[in-house]
């Protein structure tokens, strides 16, 4: 698969630290270690061993937040769907993913893992509260190796009902120019501004390849139990994961990546195994234009290409 893993062992007490030279208070070193560990993803192997998600010696950073680099937007035009006088280039997520207009105006509120939403357009819910509400994701989900060439997947620790919001897609906010020519397995597009008067609204991409949360590991299925849906939290637009059917505890979550990834004419092969899988409609062993298929894609991972 091109994916390597490191067994997670108990940290060894560092040497060379004395009371005289150290400025750390009792317990602070342990806290620092814990925070560092929490920036990594861990998964369970089929034989029950906990390991760190790694690819080519490094792993994705656990980030339950939006982040952006203002300089990447310096030469981007001010979005035509924004009102005049906005902050540009954007300095934070709310500067560019501001929820404007009447589209995607259901608010997730301040709680997660339920179907309750806020329909007050003037609500005061905040992204910081939403991040806090979704930081306990490991109480509800776990990462496991599927035991197949679909790699690591997300499994539930409890049941959920249809309509429940399970989380959101976090990562680095990128303009189109910064992602051209890069691997797009972890990109999620979000349109900007007031979308009411036009269909060709500008957009940005949420890139979870290097930084993101647990939702980056959700595998594809042609008969998915979840969808990605644009909503908002207060005044910030977000991409949430919503259950489209009841999900039992212990089930693997899945979304449909769409026919641009897995279609009858795409080069990528679907490995979901569902009864309605697109592979049943494809000419065996051939991709678009009759060319040979180059790999399989699962959760953004291509077999043999070393992508986590």
C-alpha atoms as a PDB file:
ATOM      1  CA  UNK A   1       0.000   0.000   0.000  1.00  0.00           C
ATOM      2  CA  UNK A   2       2.917   2.361   0.510  1.00  0.00           C
ATOM      3  CA  UNK A   3       1.731   2.941   4.074  1.00  0.00           C
ATOM      4  CA  UNK A   4       4.026   2.199   6.980  1.00  0.00           C
ATOM      5  CA  UNK A   5       3.077   2.160  10.636  1.00  0.00           C
ATOM      6  CA  UNK A   6       4.904   2.653  13.913  1.00  0.00           C
ATOM      7  CA  UNK A   7       3.759   0.884  17.060  1.00  0.00           C
ATOM      8  CA  UNK A   8       2.742   3.390  19.725  1.00  0.00           C
ATOM      9  CA  UNK A   9       4.755   2.698  22.869  1.00  0.00           C
ATOM     10  CA  UNK A  10       4.788   4.442  26.237  1.00  0.00           C
ATOM     11  CA  UNK A  11       7.154   7.458  26.044  1.00  0.00           C
ATOM     12  CA  UNK A  12      10.567   7.055  27.658  1.00  0.00           C
ATOM     13  CA  UNK A  13      11.494   9.609  30.303  1.00  0.00           C
ATOM     14  CA  UNK A  14      14.016  12.016  28.754  1.00  0.00           C
ATOM     15  CA  UNK A  15      17.521  12.164  30.145  1.00  0.00           C
ATOM     16  CA  UNK A  16      19.589  15.229  30.973  1.00  0.00           C
ATOM     17  CA  UNK A  17      16.736  17.134  32.650  1.00  0.00           C
ATOM     18  CA  UNK A  18      17.513  18.388  36.146  1.00  0.00           C
ATOM     19  CA  UNK A  19      15.609  20.560  38.598  1.00  0.00           C
ATOM     20  CA  UNK A  20      18.366  23.168  38.482  1.00  0.00           C
ATOM     21  CA  UNK A  21      18.382  23.646  34.706  1.00  0.00           C
ATOM     22  CA  UNK A  22      14.748  22.879  33.850  1.00  0.00           C
ATOM     23  CA  UNK A  23      12.034  25.539  33.932  1.00  0.00           C
ATOM     24  CA  UNK A  24       9.221  22.960  33.634  1.00  0.00           C
ATOM     25  CA  UNK A  25       6.863  22.574  36.561  1.00  0.00           C
ATOM     26  CA  UNK A  26       5.838  19.151  37.845  1.00  0.00           C
ATOM     27  CA  UNK A  27       3.402  17.549  35.433  1.00  0.00           C
ATOM     28  CA  UNK A  28       4.016  19.991  32.581  1.00  0.00           C
ATOM     29  CA  UNK A  29       6.332  17.611  30.704  1.00  0.00           C
ATOM     30  CA  UNK A  30       3.663  14.925  30.770  1.00  0.00           C
ATOM     31  CA  UNK A  31       1.081  17.441  29.528  1.00  0.00           C
ATOM     32  CA  UNK A  32       3.373  18.481  26.690  1.00  0.00           C
ATOM     33  CA  UNK A  33       3.873  14.854  25.672  1.00  0.00           C
ATOM     34  CA  UNK A  34       0.119  14.243  25.695  1.00  0.00           C
ATOM     35  CA  UNK A  35      -0.539  17.236  23.486  1.00  0.00           C
ATOM     36  CA  UNK A  36       2.128  16.102  21.054  1.00  0.00           C
ATOM     37  CA  UNK A  37       0.672  12.602  20.899  1.00  0.00           C
ATOM     38  CA  UNK A  38      -2.793  14.004  20.301  1.00  0.00           C
ATOM     39  CA  UNK A  39      -1.560  15.609  17.086  1.00  0.00           C
ATOM     40  CA  UNK A  40      -1.121  12.147  15.610  1.00  0.00           C
ATOM     41  CA  UNK A  41      -3.695   9.667  14.381  1.00  0.00           C
ATOM     42  CA  UNK A  42      -3.728   6.146  15.778  1.00  0.00           C
ATOM     43  CA  UNK A  43      -5.478   3.141  14.310  1.00  0.00           C
ATOM     44  CA  UNK A  44      -6.021  -0.474  15.253  1.00  0.00           C
ATOM     45  CA  UNK A  45      -4.638  -3.265  13.097  1.00  0.00           C
ATOM     46  CA  UNK A  46      -6.676  -6.430  12.374  1.00  0.00           C
ATOM     47  CA  UNK A  47      -4.743  -8.216  15.134  1.00  0.00           C
ATOM     48  CA  UNK A  48      -5.559  -5.525  17.709  1.00  0.00           C
ATOM     49  CA  UNK A  49      -2.296  -3.552  17.789  1.00  0.00           C
ATOM     50  CA  UNK A  50      -2.485   0.256  18.073  1.00  0.00           C
ATOM     51  CA  UNK A  51      -0.229   2.021  15.596  1.00  0.00           C
ATOM     52  CA  UNK A  52       0.489   5.539  14.352  1.00  0.00           C
ATOM     53  CA  UNK A  53      -0.726   6.440  10.865  1.00  0.00           C
ATOM     54  CA  UNK A  54       2.351   7.107   8.744  1.00  0.00           C
ATOM     55  CA  UNK A  55       3.314   7.307   5.094  1.00  0.00           C
ATOM     56  CA  UNK A  56       6.879   7.610   3.856  1.00  0.00           C
ATOM     57  CA  UNK A  57       8.086   8.244   7.398  1.00  0.00           C
ATOM     58  CA  UNK A  58       5.627  10.983   8.318  1.00  0.00           C
ATOM     59  CA  UNK A  59       1.948  11.133   9.122  1.00  0.00           C
ATOM     60  CA  UNK A  60      -0.887  13.641   8.744  1.00  0.00           C
ATOM     61  CA  UNK A  61      -1.253  16.107  11.593  1.00  0.00           C
ATOM     62  CA  UNK A  62      -4.462  15.951  13.609  1.00  0.00           C
ATOM     63  CA  UNK A  63      -6.045  19.381  13.201  1.00  0.00           C
ATOM     64  CA  UNK A  64      -9.675  19.932  14.203  1.00  0.00           C
ATOM     65  CA  UNK A  65      -9.671  23.432  12.755  1.00  0.00           C
ATOM     66  CA  UNK A  66      -9.340  25.562   9.654  1.00  0.00           C
ATOM     67  CA  UNK A  67      -5.978  27.088   8.848  1.00  0.00           C
ATOM     68  CA  UNK A  68      -4.790  29.228   5.974  1.00  0.00           C
ATOM     69  CA  UNK A  69      -1.706  31.054   4.694  1.00  0.00           C
ATOM     70  CA  UNK A  70      -2.652  34.657   3.774  1.00  0.00           C
ATOM     71  CA  UNK A  71       0.205  34.971   1.263  1.00  0.00           C
ATOM     72  CA  UNK A  72      -1.366  32.229  -0.888  1.00  0.00           C
ATOM     73  CA  UNK A  73      -4.332  34.559  -1.486  1.00  0.00           C
ATOM     74  CA  UNK A  74      -2.292  37.710  -2.099  1.00  0.00           C
ATOM     75  CA  UNK A  75      -2.671  37.538  -5.883  1.00  0.00           C
ATOM     76  CA  UNK A  76      -6.158  36.034  -5.883  1.00  0.00           C
ATOM     77  CA  UNK A  77      -9.003  38.376  -6.911  1.00  0.00           C
ATOM     78  CA  UNK A  78     -11.442  39.566  -4.288  1.00  0.00           C
ATOM     79  CA  UNK A  79     -14.471  37.196  -4.562  1.00  0.00           C
ATOM     80  CA  UNK A  80     -17.222  38.670  -6.717  1.00  0.00           C
ATOM     81  CA  UNK A  81     -19.830  37.167  -4.372  1.00  0.00           C
ATOM     82  CA  UNK A  82     -18.532  39.148  -1.355  1.00  0.00           C
ATOM     83  CA  UNK A  83     -19.837  42.586  -0.353  1.00  0.00           C
ATOM     84  CA  UNK A  84     -17.426  45.488  -0.952  1.00  0.00           C
ATOM     85  CA  UNK A  85     -14.899  46.347   1.719  1.00  0.00           C
ATOM     86  CA  UNK A  86     -14.132  42.903   3.105  1.00  0.00           C
ATOM     87  CA  UNK A  87     -10.763  41.810   4.473  1.00  0.00           C
ATOM     88  CA  UNK A  88      -8.373  40.731   1.703  1.00  0.00           C
ATOM     89  CA  UNK A  89      -6.221  38.733   1.605  1.00  0.00           C
ATOM     90  CA  UNK A  90      -8.022  36.733   4.285  1.00  0.00           C
ATOM     91  CA  UNK A  91      -6.281  36.381   7.646  1.00  0.00           C
ATOM     92  CA  UNK A  92      -8.581  33.773   9.195  1.00  0.00           C
ATOM     93  CA  UNK A  93     -11.288  31.309   8.185  1.00  0.00           C
ATOM     94  CA  UNK A  94     -14.177  33.671   8.895  1.00  0.00           C
ATOM     95  CA  UNK A  95     -12.733  36.194   6.412  1.00  0.00           C
ATOM     96  CA  UNK A  96     -13.209  33.836   3.475  1.00  0.00           C
ATOM     97  CA  UNK A  97     -15.714  31.159   4.535  1.00  0.00           C
ATOM     98  CA  UNK A  98     -18.261  33.710   5.702  1.00  0.00           C
ATOM     99  CA  UNK A  99     -21.839  32.451   5.431  1.00  0.00           C
ATOM    100  CA  UNK A 100     -23.596  34.961   3.158  1.00  0.00           C
ATOM    101  CA  UNK A 101     -26.896  34.833   1.304  1.00  0.00           C
ATOM    102  CA  UNK A 102     -29.647  32.280   1.796  1.00  0.00           C
ATOM    103  CA  UNK A 103     -27.918  29.114   0.573  1.00  0.00           C
ATOM    104  CA  UNK A 104     -26.541  26.559   3.039  1.00  0.00           C
ATOM    105  CA  UNK A 105     -27.952  28.502   5.958  1.00  0.00           C
ATOM    106  CA  UNK A 106     -28.783  25.632   8.337  1.00  0.00           C
ATOM    107  CA  UNK A 107     -26.499  26.055  11.356  1.00  0.00           C
ATOM    108  CA  UNK A 108     -25.000  23.093  13.207  1.00  0.00           C
ATOM    109  CA  UNK A 109     -25.384  24.955  16.496  1.00  0.00           C
ATOM    110  CA  UNK A 110     -23.099  24.204  19.415  1.00  0.00           C
ATOM    111  CA  UNK A 111     -23.551  20.413  19.654  1.00  0.00           C
ATOM    112  CA  UNK A 112     -22.617  17.488  17.449  1.00  0.00           C
ATOM    113  CA  UNK A 113     -23.703  13.849  16.980  1.00  0.00           C
ATOM    114  CA  UNK A 114     -27.393  14.811  16.827  1.00  0.00           C
ATOM    115  CA  UNK A 115     -29.862  15.939  14.169  1.00  0.00           C
ATOM    116  CA  UNK A 116     -30.648  19.212  15.953  1.00  0.00           C
ATOM    117  CA  UNK A 117     -29.908  22.290  13.855  1.00  0.00           C
ATOM    118  CA  UNK A 118     -30.329  26.034  14.273  1.00  0.00           C
ATOM    119  CA  UNK A 119     -32.392  27.973  11.730  1.00  0.00           C
ATOM    120  CA  UNK A 120     -31.873  31.418  13.259  1.00  0.00           C
ATOM    121  CA  UNK A 121     -29.978  33.412  10.620  1.00  0.00           C
ATOM    122  CA  UNK A 122     -28.807  35.855  13.307  1.00  0.00           C
ATOM    123  CA  UNK A 123     -27.597  33.218  15.768  1.00  0.00           C
ATOM    124  CA  UNK A 124     -24.413  33.700  17.777  1.00  0.00           C
ATOM    125  CA  UNK A 125     -22.972  30.203  17.513  1.00  0.00           C
ATOM    126  CA  UNK A 126     -19.207  30.188  17.013  1.00  0.00           C
ATOM    127  CA  UNK A 127     -16.611  28.071  15.263  1.00  0.00           C
ATOM    128  CA  UNK A 128     -14.575  27.858  18.480  1.00  0.00           C
ATOM    129  CA  UNK A 129     -17.537  26.291  20.313  1.00  0.00           C
ATOM    130  CA  UNK A 130     -18.092  23.876  17.415  1.00  0.00           C
ATOM    131  CA  UNK A 131     -14.444  22.820  17.500  1.00  0.00           C
ATOM    132  CA  UNK A 132     -14.762  22.116  21.210  1.00  0.00           C
ATOM    133  CA  UNK A 133     -17.965  20.137  20.650  1.00  0.00           C
ATOM    134  CA  UNK A 134     -16.257  17.910  18.066  1.00  0.00           C
ATOM    135  CA  UNK A 135     -12.923  17.448  19.840  1.00  0.00           C
ATOM    136  CA  UNK A 136     -14.136  14.279  21.606  1.00  0.00           C
ATOM    137  CA  UNK A 137     -14.493  12.365  18.345  1.00  0.00           C
ATOM    138  CA  UNK A 138     -12.588   9.353  19.704  1.00  0.00           C
ATOM    139  CA  UNK A 139     -15.456   8.688  22.113  1.00  0.00           C
ATOM    140  CA  UNK A 140     -17.707   8.107  19.102  1.00  0.00           C
ATOM    141  CA  UNK A 141     -15.422   6.789  16.337  1.00  0.00           C
ATOM    142  CA  UNK A 142     -12.197   4.867  15.909  1.00  0.00           C
ATOM    143  CA  UNK A 143      -9.751   4.302  13.095  1.00  0.00           C
ATOM    144  CA  UNK A 144      -9.177   0.688  12.096  1.00  0.00           C
ATOM    145  CA  UNK A 145      -7.438  -1.048   9.272  1.00  0.00           C
ATOM    146  CA  UNK A 146     -10.167  -2.660   7.210  1.00  0.00           C
ATOM    147  CA  UNK A 147      -8.099  -5.778   6.632  1.00  0.00           C
ATOM    148  CA  UNK A 148      -8.388  -5.230   2.879  1.00  0.00           C
ATOM    149  CA  UNK A 149      -6.822  -3.008   0.255  1.00  0.00           C
ATOM    150  CA  UNK A 150      -9.236  -0.253   1.301  1.00  0.00           C
ATOM    151  CA  UNK A 151      -6.729   0.624   4.011  1.00  0.00           C
ATOM    152  CA  UNK A 152      -7.697   2.532   7.155  1.00  0.00           C
ATOM    153  CA  UNK A 153     -11.362   3.337   7.740  1.00  0.00           C
ATOM    154  CA  UNK A 154     -13.599   5.014  10.307  1.00  0.00           C
ATOM    155  CA  UNK A 155     -15.755   2.786  12.516  1.00  0.00           C
ATOM    156  CA  UNK A 156     -18.487   3.829  14.916  1.00  0.00           C
ATOM    157  CA  UNK A 157     -18.397   3.129  18.656  1.00  0.00           C
ATOM    158  CA  UNK A 158     -22.141   3.805  19.025  1.00  0.00           C
ATOM    159  CA  UNK A 159     -25.228   3.945  16.875  1.00  0.00           C
ATOM    160  CA  UNK A 160     -26.445   7.010  15.008  1.00  0.00           C
ATOM    161  CA  UNK A 161     -29.765   7.947  13.441  1.00  0.00           C
ATOM    162  CA  UNK A 162     -30.446   9.169   9.946  1.00  0.00           C
ATOM    163  CA  UNK A 163     -29.963  12.946   9.866  1.00  0.00           C
ATOM    164  CA  UNK A 164     -27.374  13.053  12.647  1.00  0.00           C
ATOM    165  CA  UNK A 165     -24.413  15.363  12.067  1.00  0.00           C
ATOM    166  CA  UNK A 166     -21.300  13.321  12.825  1.00  0.00           C
ATOM    167  CA  UNK A 167     -18.510  15.856  12.322  1.00  0.00           C
ATOM    168  CA  UNK A 168     -16.949  18.263   9.849  1.00  0.00           C
ATOM    169  CA  UNK A 169     -14.158  18.357   7.279  1.00  0.00           C
ATOM    170  CA  UNK A 170     -11.198  20.312   8.626  1.00  0.00           C
ATOM    171  CA  UNK A 171      -7.871  21.239   7.055  1.00  0.00           C
ATOM    172  CA  UNK A 172      -5.953  23.924   5.198  1.00  0.00           C
ATOM    173  CA  UNK A 173      -7.945  26.462   3.163  1.00  0.00           C
ATOM    174  CA  UNK A 174      -6.370  26.720  -0.289  1.00  0.00           C
ATOM    175  CA  UNK A 175      -7.055  28.786  -3.431  1.00  0.00           C
ATOM    176  CA  UNK A 176      -7.246  26.992  -6.762  1.00  0.00           C
ATOM    177  CA  UNK A 177      -3.856  28.230  -8.002  1.00  0.00           C
ATOM    178  CA  UNK A 178      -2.060  26.666  -5.018  1.00  0.00           C
ATOM    179  CA  UNK A 179      -3.377  23.159  -5.704  1.00  0.00           C
ATOM    180  CA  UNK A 180      -2.982  22.943  -9.472  1.00  0.00           C
ATOM    181  CA  UNK A 181      -0.726  20.031 -10.303  1.00  0.00           C
ATOM    182  CA  UNK A 182      -0.940  18.483  -6.828  1.00  0.00           C
ATOM    183  CA  UNK A 183      -2.537  15.224  -5.716  1.00  0.00           C
ATOM    184  CA  UNK A 184      -6.206  15.983  -5.054  1.00  0.00           C
ATOM    185  CA  UNK A 185      -7.246  13.026  -2.935  1.00  0.00           C
ATOM    186  CA  UNK A 186      -8.056  15.108   0.132  1.00  0.00           C
ATOM    187  CA  UNK A 187      -9.550  18.235  -1.432  1.00  0.00           C
ATOM    188  CA  UNK A 188     -13.061  19.400  -0.623  1.00  0.00           C
ATOM    189  CA  UNK A 189     -14.496  22.344  -2.577  1.00  0.00           C
ATOM    190  CA  UNK A 190     -16.595  25.036  -0.868  1.00  0.00           C
ATOM    191  CA  UNK A 191     -18.201  27.908  -2.762  1.00  0.00           C
ATOM    192  CA  UNK A 192     -17.728  31.432  -1.467  1.00  0.00           C
ATOM    193  CA  UNK A 193     -20.055  34.279  -0.602  1.00  0.00           C
ATOM    194  CA  UNK A 194     -23.638  34.939  -1.618  1.00  0.00           C
ATOM    195  CA  UNK A 195     -24.524  32.208  -4.095  1.00  0.00           C
ATOM    196  CA  UNK A 196     -28.083  33.359  -4.790  1.00  0.00           C
ATOM    197  CA  UNK A 197     -27.570  35.497  -7.902  1.00  0.00           C
ATOM    198  CA  UNK A 198     -25.081  33.316  -9.774  1.00  0.00           C
ATOM    199  CA  UNK A 199     -24.189  29.724 -10.538  1.00  0.00           C
ATOM    200  CA  UNK A 200     -20.478  30.288 -11.257  1.00  0.00           C
ATOM    201  CA  UNK A 201     -19.451  31.367  -7.770  1.00  0.00           C
ATOM    202  CA  UNK A 202     -15.747  31.341  -6.858  1.00  0.00           C
ATOM    203  CA  UNK A 203     -14.591  28.656  -4.479  1.00  0.00           C
ATOM    204  CA  UNK A 204     -11.739  27.485  -2.258  1.00  0.00           C
ATOM    205  CA  UNK A 205     -10.577  24.019  -1.293  1.00  0.00           C
ATOM    206  CA  UNK A 206     -10.199  22.406   2.106  1.00  0.00           C
ATOM    207  CA  UNK A 207      -7.031  20.311   1.886  1.00  0.00           C
ATOM    208  CA  UNK A 208      -6.704  17.608   4.561  1.00  0.00           C
ATOM    209  CA  UNK A 209      -3.701  15.815   3.078  1.00  0.00           C
ATOM    210  CA  UNK A 210      -1.172  17.123   5.617  1.00  0.00           C
ATOM    211  CA  UNK A 211      -3.513  18.478   8.293  1.00  0.00           C
ATOM    212  CA  UNK A 212      -7.063  17.507   9.084  1.00  0.00           C
ATOM    213  CA  UNK A 213      -9.359  15.597  11.410  1.00  0.00           C
ATOM    214  CA  UNK A 214     -10.776  12.068  11.462  1.00  0.00           C
ATOM    215  CA  UNK A 215     -13.176  12.686   8.556  1.00  0.00           C
ATOM    216  CA  UNK A 216     -10.238  12.535   6.118  1.00  0.00           C
ATOM    217  CA  UNK A 217     -10.188   8.747   6.668  1.00  0.00           C
ATOM    218  CA  UNK A 218     -13.793   8.061   5.649  1.00  0.00           C
ATOM    219  CA  UNK A 219     -13.700   5.545   2.813  1.00  0.00           C
ATOM    220  CA  UNK A 220     -15.761   5.550  -0.350  1.00  0.00           C
ATOM    221  CA  UNK A 221     -18.745   3.329  -1.001  1.00  0.00           C
ATOM    222  CA  UNK A 222     -21.122   3.251  -3.939  1.00  0.00           C
ATOM    223  CA  UNK A 223     -23.841   2.612  -1.322  1.00  0.00           C
ATOM    224  CA  UNK A 224     -22.674   5.119   1.294  1.00  0.00           C
ATOM    225  CA  UNK A 225     -24.247   5.709   4.692  1.00  0.00           C
ATOM    226  CA  UNK A 226     -23.096   9.358   4.918  1.00  0.00           C
ATOM    227  CA  UNK A 227     -22.829  12.476   2.760  1.00  0.00           C
ATOM    228  CA  UNK A 228     -20.792  15.651   2.904  1.00  0.00           C
ATOM    229  CA  UNK A 229     -23.117  18.631   3.221  1.00  0.00           C
ATOM    230  CA  UNK A 230     -22.385  22.373   3.312  1.00  0.00           C
ATOM    231  CA  UNK A 231     -23.832  24.085   6.402  1.00  0.00           C
ATOM    232  CA  UNK A 232     -22.671  26.871   8.677  1.00  0.00           C
ATOM    233  CA  UNK A 233     -21.730  27.427  12.292  1.00  0.00           C
ATOM    234  CA  UNK A 234     -22.734  30.963  13.176  1.00  0.00           C
ATOM    235  CA  UNK A 235     -21.197  33.090  10.443  1.00  0.00           C
ATOM    236  CA  UNK A 236     -18.731  30.503   9.089  1.00  0.00           C
ATOM    237  CA  UNK A 237     -19.436  27.990   6.334  1.00  0.00           C
ATOM    238  CA  UNK A 238     -18.465  24.372   7.053  1.00  0.00           C
ATOM    239  CA  UNK A 239     -18.631  20.984   5.321  1.00  0.00           C
ATOM    240  CA  UNK A 240     -20.291  18.495   7.654  1.00  0.00           C
ATOM    241  CA  UNK A 241     -20.706  14.720   7.586  1.00  0.00           C
ATOM    242  CA  UNK A 242     -24.369  13.721   7.808  1.00  0.00           C
ATOM    243  CA  UNK A 243     -25.759  10.206   8.196  1.00  0.00           C
ATOM    244  CA  UNK A 244     -28.256   9.372   5.439  1.00  0.00           C
ATOM    245  CA  UNK A 245     -29.390   6.152   7.097  1.00  0.00           C
ATOM    246  CA  UNK A 246     -29.319   4.639  10.579  1.00  0.00           C
ATOM    247  CA  UNK A 247     -25.834   3.395  11.451  1.00  0.00           C
ATOM    248  CA  UNK A 248     -25.183   0.680  14.025  1.00  0.00           C
ATOM    249  CA  UNK A 249     -22.303   0.647  16.458  1.00  0.00           C
ATOM    250  CA  UNK A 250     -19.232  -1.072  14.991  1.00  0.00           C
ATOM    251  CA  UNK A 251     -20.101  -0.205  11.373  1.00  0.00           C
ATOM    252  CA  UNK A 252     -17.673   1.466   8.998  1.00  0.00           C
ATOM    253  CA  UNK A 253     -18.717   4.923   7.814  1.00  0.00           C
ATOM    254  CA  UNK A 254     -18.610   5.684   4.110  1.00  0.00           C
ATOM    255  CA  UNK A 255     -19.356   8.470   1.659  1.00  0.00           C
ATOM    256  CA  UNK A 256     -19.745   8.445  -2.109  1.00  0.00           C
ATOM    257  CA  UNK A 257     -16.756  10.233  -3.633  1.00  0.00           C
ATOM    258  CA  UNK A 258     -18.746  10.885  -6.787  1.00  0.00           C
ATOM    259  CA  UNK A 259     -18.467   9.801 -10.390  1.00  0.00           C
ATOM    260  CA  UNK A 260     -15.521  12.115 -11.026  1.00  0.00           C
ATOM    261  CA  UNK A 261     -13.495   9.752  -8.828  1.00  0.00           C
ATOM    262  CA  UNK A 262     -15.219   6.470  -9.551  1.00  0.00           C
ATOM    263  CA  UNK A 263     -17.145   6.507 -12.761  1.00  0.00           C
ATOM    264  CA  UNK A 264     -17.564   4.131 -15.650  1.00  0.00           C
ATOM    265  CA  UNK A 265     -14.945   6.114 -17.586  1.00  0.00           C
ATOM    266  CA  UNK A 266     -12.472   7.040 -14.814  1.00  0.00           C
ATOM    267  CA  UNK A 267      -9.035   5.488 -14.464  1.00  0.00           C
ATOM    268  CA  UNK A 268      -9.402   4.752 -10.752  1.00  0.00           C
ATOM    269  CA  UNK A 269     -10.868   1.466  -9.610  1.00  0.00           C
ATOM    270  CA  UNK A 270     -13.421   1.285  -6.804  1.00  0.00           C
ATOM    271  CA  UNK A 271     -12.869  -1.423  -4.188  1.00  0.00           C
ATOM    272  CA  UNK A 272     -15.996  -0.909  -2.049  1.00  0.00           C
ATOM    273  CA  UNK A 273     -17.560  -4.244  -3.019  1.00  0.00           C
ATOM    274  CA  UNK A 274     -21.141  -2.962  -2.748  1.00  0.00           C
ATOM    275  CA  UNK A 275     -23.847  -4.641  -4.792  1.00  0.00           C
ATOM    276  CA  UNK A 276     -24.342  -1.440  -6.756  1.00  0.00           C
ATOM    277  CA  UNK A 277     -20.602  -0.813  -7.201  1.00  0.00           C
ATOM    278  CA  UNK A 278     -19.613   1.112 -10.302  1.00  0.00           C
ATOM    279  CA  UNK A 279     -17.070  -1.604 -11.109  1.00  0.00           C
ATOM    280  CA  UNK A 280     -19.934  -3.869 -12.179  1.00  0.00           C
ATOM    281  CA  UNK A 281     -20.671  -1.377 -14.946  1.00  0.00           C
ATOM    282  CA  UNK A 282     -17.099  -1.005 -16.116  1.00  0.00           C
ATOM    283  CA  UNK A 283     -15.291  -2.940 -18.809  1.00  0.00           C
ATOM    284  CA  UNK A 284     -13.095  -5.287 -16.802  1.00  0.00           C
ATOM    285  CA  UNK A 285      -9.468  -4.160 -16.586  1.00  0.00           C
ATOM    286  CA  UNK A 286      -9.933  -1.002 -18.662  1.00  0.00           C
ATOM    287  CA  UNK A 287     -10.266   2.632 -17.757  1.00  0.00           C
ATOM    288  CA  UNK A 288     -11.076   5.792 -19.691  1.00  0.00           C
ATOM    289  CA  UNK A 289     -10.334   5.492 -23.382  1.00  0.00           C
ATOM    290  CA  UNK A 290      -9.428   1.830 -22.997  1.00  0.00           C
ATOM    291  CA  UNK A 291      -6.227   2.613 -21.063  1.00  0.00           C
ATOM    292  CA  UNK A 292      -5.048   0.366 -18.274  1.00  0.00           C
ATOM    293  CA  UNK A 293      -6.180   1.236 -14.766  1.00  0.00           C
ATOM    294  CA  UNK A 294      -3.242   2.637 -12.753  1.00  0.00           C
ATOM    295  CA  UNK A 295      -4.374   2.039  -9.190  1.00  0.00           C
ATOM    296  CA  UNK A 296      -7.118   1.759  -6.634  1.00  0.00           C
ATOM    297  CA  UNK A 297      -8.362   4.629  -4.558  1.00  0.00           C
ATOM    298  CA  UNK A 298      -9.635   4.363  -1.007  1.00  0.00           C
ATOM    299  CA  UNK A 299     -10.087   7.220   1.433  1.00  0.00           C
ATOM    300  CA  UNK A 300      -7.761   9.296  -0.720  1.00  0.00           C
ATOM    301  CA  UNK A 301      -5.110   6.570  -0.894  1.00  0.00           C
ATOM    302  CA  UNK A 302      -3.804   5.130  -4.152  1.00  0.00           C
ATOM    303  CA  UNK A 303      -2.340   1.658  -3.972  1.00  0.00           C
ATOM    304  CA  UNK A 304       1.358   1.667  -4.778  1.00  0.00           C
ATOM    305  CA  UNK A 305       1.830   5.433  -4.807  1.00  0.00           C
ATOM    306  CA  UNK A 306       2.888   5.923  -1.181  1.00  0.00           C
ATOM    307  CA  UNK A 307       0.034   8.247  -0.286  1.00  0.00           C
ATOM    308  CA  UNK A 308      -1.403   7.969   3.205  1.00  0.00           C
END
